[in-house]
Every structure is written in C-alpha cells, then in structure tokens.
C-alpha cells in the first residue's frame, strides 16, 4: 500500500533532480527497504552540489 502511494512522489522527485526523463514510467519498489534506497539516492543526487 505504501509503495502505491509513494510511486508518483518518487517518480516526480527523480524527474525533478534529473535522474529520469519524462518518458520513464512510475518508480515502484518491491519492499520498504528498496523504497528507502531510492529516496536516499535521489536526495543524494539532489544535494550533491552543496
């Protein structure tokens, strides 16, 4: 249930920081730990310029 809720949010975040392009389907994961890895990776990419 959480992964279904987070898919559009994670996809938009990845698009905003330039990890994916607009043609990429929704990002989903198989478990909570995989979702955490995606979010941490995206945040690292977002803040890597600081």
Protein backbone atom coordinates (compact mmCIF):
# COMPACT_ATOMS: atom_id res chain seq x y z
CA UNK A 1 0.00 0.00 0.00
CA UNK A 2 2.79 2.43 0.91
CA UNK A 3 4.60 1.71 -2.36
CA UNK A 4 1.47 2.55 -4.37
CA UNK A 5 1.19 5.85 -2.51
CA UNK A 6 4.88 6.71 -2.92
CA UNK A 7 5.22 5.82 -6.65
CA UNK A 8 4.08 9.18 -8.08
CA UNK A 9 6.02 11.12 -5.43
CA UNK A 10 9.26 9.18 -6.01
CA UNK A 11 8.85 9.48 -9.78
CA UNK A 12 8.32 13.24 -9.65
CA UNK A 13 11.30 13.68 -7.32
CA UNK A 14 13.53 11.65 -9.65
CA UNK A 15 12.34 13.70 -12.62
CA UNK A 16 12.90 17.00 -10.78
CA UNK A 17 16.52 16.19 -9.92
CA UNK A 18 17.26 14.86 -13.41
CA UNK A 19 17.71 11.17 -12.65
CA UNK A 20 14.99 10.16 -15.14
CA UNK A 21 13.31 11.74 -18.13
CA UNK A 22 9.62 12.37 -18.72
CA UNK A 23 9.19 9.09 -20.63
CA UNK A 24 10.01 6.93 -17.59
CA UNK A 25 7.04 5.05 -16.08
CA UNK A 26 6.28 5.25 -12.36
CA UNK A 27 9.06 4.23 -9.99
CA UNK A 28 7.97 1.38 -7.74
CA UNK A 29 9.76 -0.97 -5.39
CA UNK A 30 9.30 -4.44 -4.02
CA UNK A 31 9.65 -3.53 -0.37
CA UNK A 32 10.11 -0.70 2.10
CA UNK A 33 13.90 -1.04 2.19
CA UNK A 34 14.10 -0.67 -1.58
CA UNK A 35 11.94 2.45 -1.37
CA UNK A 36 14.32 3.89 1.22
CA UNK A 37 17.30 3.24 -1.06
CA UNK A 38 15.60 5.04 -3.96
CA UNK A 39 14.72 8.05 -1.78
CA UNK A 40 18.20 8.25 -0.23
CA UNK A 41 19.80 8.01 -3.67
CA UNK A 42 17.58 10.76 -5.04
CA UNK A 43 18.25 13.01 -2.06
CA UNK A 44 21.99 12.43 -2.50
CA UNK A 45 21.73 13.40 -6.16
CA UNK A 46 19.67 16.47 -5.25
CA UNK A 47 22.12 17.74 -2.63
CA UNK A 48 25.37 16.65 -4.29
CA UNK A 49 26.08 20.23 -5.40
CA UNK A 50 26.34 21.52 -1.83
